[in-house]
Amino acid sequence: MGDKAKEPLEVITPPNKLKQLVGNARLSDDKTVAKAEQAQKAAAAKVDLPTEAKPMMEMLRERYAWLDDPDMSKERALNEIFGIAHDLRGMSGNFGYPLLARVCASLSRFTDGRKTVNKKEQEAVKAHVDAITVILLNKISGTGGKVGAEIADGLEAAVTALTDD
């Protein structure tokens, strides 16, 4: 037992296959980043988000209606509303709809983990769903200007008021 303790240890470092494949590429190269941003903008310009998101908007409205259906689970409805709003938030941020992203983020925050809602809370969910519907049907890209900011501010304030304990 004493003899093995005196033997030198050999450290084996396996080759880094990923580094061999990629090389020493600089990911922060300004030219590469600019090219990637230009490609993303070109791809985003080809996507008609309101058309692409229409089925999600319809599902969102349907899931909201579940909140009034005594045969449907409120927890399931809220969980699905959260999922749809979360997905729409990600899509809208990438395709030039920051107002939609903001409203969806507010709805996501409000419904995340909720099992039920009272009447006032359900009205807040409806206000968000209605705002999302208006934004998509009217193809309101960008921030929506002053009116868009007022709508988003109001929805966020309602969420804050209803979630502060």
Protein backbone atom coordinates (compact mmCIF):
# COMPACT_ATOMS: atom_id res chain seq x y z
CA MET A 1 0.00 0.00 0.00
CA GLY A 2 2.87 2.37 0.73
CA ASP A 3 4.47 1.74 -2.70
CA LYS A 4 1.43 2.94 -4.68
CA ALA A 5 1.28 6.26 -2.81
CA LYS A 6 4.79 7.10 -4.06
CA GLU A 7 4.02 6.44 -7.74
CA PRO A 8 3.57 9.66 -9.75
CA LEU A 9 0.05 10.39 -10.97
CA GLU A 10 -0.52 10.84 -14.67
CA VAL A 11 -3.11 13.41 -15.70
CA ILE A 12 -4.73 12.71 -19.05
CA THR A 13 -6.34 15.66 -20.81
CA PRO A 14 -8.58 14.54 -23.68
CA PRO A 15 -8.42 16.59 -26.86
CA ASN A 16 -11.02 19.38 -27.19
CA LYS A 17 -12.86 18.24 -30.34
CA LEU A 18 -15.13 21.29 -30.40
CA LYS A 19 -12.19 23.67 -30.36
CA GLN A 20 -10.57 21.68 -33.16
CA LEU A 21 -13.73 21.99 -35.26
CA VAL A 22 -14.39 25.67 -34.55
CA GLY A 23 -10.83 26.87 -34.32
CA ASN A 24 -10.09 30.17 -32.66
CA ALA A 25 -12.95 32.07 -34.28
CA ARG A 26 -13.75 35.38 -32.64
CA LEU A 27 -17.49 35.50 -32.01
CA SER A 28 -17.41 39.19 -31.15
CA ASP A 29 -15.98 40.27 -34.50
CA ASP A 30 -17.89 43.50 -35.36
CA LYS A 31 -18.23 42.58 -39.02
CA THR A 32 -19.68 39.16 -38.18
CA VAL A 33 -22.10 40.63 -35.64
CA ALA A 34 -23.27 43.28 -38.13
CA LYS A 35 -23.79 40.61 -40.78
CA ALA A 36 -25.82 38.48 -38.36
CA GLU A 37 -27.96 41.47 -37.33
CA GLN A 38 -28.58 42.31 -40.99
CA ALA A 39 -29.62 38.71 -41.69
CA GLN A 40 -31.99 38.75 -38.70
CA LYS A 41 -33.59 42.00 -39.88
CA ALA A 42 -34.01 40.61 -43.39
CA ALA A 43 -35.63 37.45 -42.04
CA ALA A 44 -37.90 39.47 -39.74
CA ALA A 45 -39.03 41.67 -42.63
CA LYS A 46 -40.31 38.57 -44.44
CA VAL A 47 -42.50 37.48 -41.52
CA ASP A 48 -46.02 38.89 -41.18
CA LEU A 49 -46.30 38.38 -37.44
CA PRO A 50 -50.01 39.24 -37.14
CA THR A 51 -50.84 36.58 -39.72
CA GLU A 52 -48.47 34.04 -38.21
CA ALA A 53 -49.74 34.74 -34.69
CA LYS A 54 -53.46 34.72 -35.51
CA PRO A 55 -53.96 31.06 -34.47
CA MET A 56 -52.22 31.80 -31.17
CA MET A 57 -54.42 34.85 -30.63
CA GLU A 58 -57.52 32.73 -31.25
CA MET A 59 -56.26 30.09 -28.79
CA LEU A 60 -55.59 32.82 -26.24
CA ARG A 61 -59.17 34.10 -26.57
CA GLU A 62 -60.50 30.54 -26.28
CA ARG A 63 -58.45 29.84 -23.17
CA TYR A 64 -59.69 33.08 -21.64
CA ALA A 65 -63.28 31.91 -22.25
CA TRP A 66 -62.43 28.76 -20.26
CA LEU A 67 -62.23 30.95 -17.16
CA ASP A 68 -66.03 31.36 -17.32
CA ASP A 69 -66.71 27.69 -18.06
CA PRO A 70 -67.53 25.77 -14.86
CA ASP A 71 -66.49 22.51 -16.56
CA MET A 72 -62.97 23.76 -17.31
CA SER A 73 -60.05 23.95 -14.92
CA LYS A 74 -59.09 27.56 -14.17
CA GLU A 75 -55.57 26.40 -13.38
CA ARG A 76 -55.25 24.76 -16.81
CA ALA A 77 -56.71 27.83 -18.54
CA LEU A 78 -54.26 30.14 -16.76
CA ASN A 79 -51.34 27.83 -17.46
CA GLU A 80 -52.17 27.77 -21.17
CA ILE A 81 -52.73 31.55 -21.25
CA PHE A 82 -49.28 31.92 -19.67
CA GLY A 83 -47.70 29.63 -22.29
CA ILE A 84 -49.29 31.40 -25.24
CA ALA A 85 -48.41 34.86 -23.89
CA HIS A 86 -44.85 33.72 -23.21
CA ASP A 87 -44.44 32.39 -26.76
CA LEU A 88 -45.99 35.50 -28.31
CA ARG A 89 -43.68 37.69 -26.24
CA GLY A 90 -40.62 35.97 -27.67
CA MET A 91 -41.88 36.10 -31.24
CA SER A 92 -42.98 39.72 -31.09
CA GLY A 93 -39.67 40.94 -29.73
CA ASN A 94 -37.86 39.35 -32.67
CA PHE A 95 -40.19 40.65 -35.36
CA GLY A 96 -40.58 44.34 -34.59
CA TYR A 97 -43.55 44.34 -32.21
CA PRO A 98 -42.15 45.62 -28.89
CA LEU A 99 -45.58 46.85 -27.70
CA LEU A 100 -46.96 43.35 -28.18
CA ALA A 101 -43.91 41.94 -26.40
CA ARG A 102 -44.50 44.27 -23.46
CA VAL A 103 -48.20 43.41 -23.13
CA CYS A 104 -47.45 39.69 -23.42
CA ALA A 105 -44.69 39.96 -20.81
CA SER A 106 -47.15 41.63 -18.43
CA LEU A 107 -49.74 38.88 -19.01
CA SER A 108 -47.07 36.21 -18.56
CA ARG A 109 -45.96 37.70 -15.25
CA PHE A 110 -49.56 37.89 -14.05
CA THR A 111 -50.58 34.35 -14.98
CA ASP A 112 -47.32 32.56 -14.14
CA GLY A 113 -48.07 29.91 -11.51
CA ARG A 114 -51.62 31.14 -10.84
CA LYS A 115 -54.18 28.48 -10.02
CA THR A 116 -57.30 30.68 -10.04
CA VAL A 117 -58.46 34.27 -10.43
CA ASN A 118 -61.10 36.40 -8.78
CA LYS A 119 -63.35 38.74 -10.78
CA LYS A 120 -60.91 41.70 -10.77
CA GLU A 121 -58.00 39.46 -11.72
CA GLN A 122 -60.04 37.93 -14.53
CA GLU A 123 -60.82 41.44 -15.80
CA ALA A 124 -57.07 42.16 -15.87
CA VAL A 125 -56.49 38.99 -17.92
CA LYS A 126 -59.28 40.07 -20.30
CA ALA A 127 -57.75 43.55 -20.68
CA HIS A 128 -54.46 41.94 -21.70
CA VAL A 129 -56.13 39.51 -24.12
CA ASP A 130 -58.12 42.37 -25.68
CA ALA A 131 -54.97 44.51 -26.04
CA ILE A 132 -53.12 41.62 -27.71
CA THR A 133 -56.06 41.12 -30.08
CA VAL A 134 -56.18 44.82 -31.01
CA ILE A 135 -52.41 44.97 -31.59
CA LEU A 136 -52.44 41.91 -33.86
CA LEU A 137 -55.63 42.72 -35.80
CA ASN A 138 -54.48 46.30 -36.42
CA LYS A 139 -50.87 45.26 -37.09
CA ILE A 140 -49.49 47.77 -34.59
CA SER A 141 -45.75 47.31 -34.92
CA GLY A 142 -43.23 49.27 -32.93
CA THR A 143 -44.04 50.78 -29.55
CA GLY A 144 -47.47 52.11 -30.47
CA GLY A 145 -46.39 55.64 -29.60
CA LYS A 146 -47.92 57.52 -26.69
CA VAL A 147 -51.16 55.53 -26.77
CA GLY A 148 -49.24 52.24 -26.82
CA ALA A 149 -47.18 53.33 -23.83
CA GLU A 150 -50.32 54.36 -21.93
CA ILE A 151 -51.96 50.99 -22.62
CA ALA A 152 -48.88 49.01 -21.55
CA ASP A 153 -48.35 51.23 -18.50
CA GLY A 154 -51.98 50.73 -17.46
CA LEU A 155 -51.83 46.96 -17.84
CA GLU A 156 -48.56 46.77 -15.92
CA ALA A 157 -50.00 48.98 -13.16
CA ALA A 158 -53.04 46.71 -12.89
CA VAL A 159 -50.80 43.67 -12.57
CA THR A 160 -48.74 45.39 -9.89
CA ALA A 161 -51.84 46.47 -7.96
CA LEU A 162 -53.36 43.00 -8.10
CA THR A 163 -50.20 41.13 -7.18
CA ASP A 164 -48.94 43.33 -4.32
CA ASP A 165 -49.74 41.68 -1.04
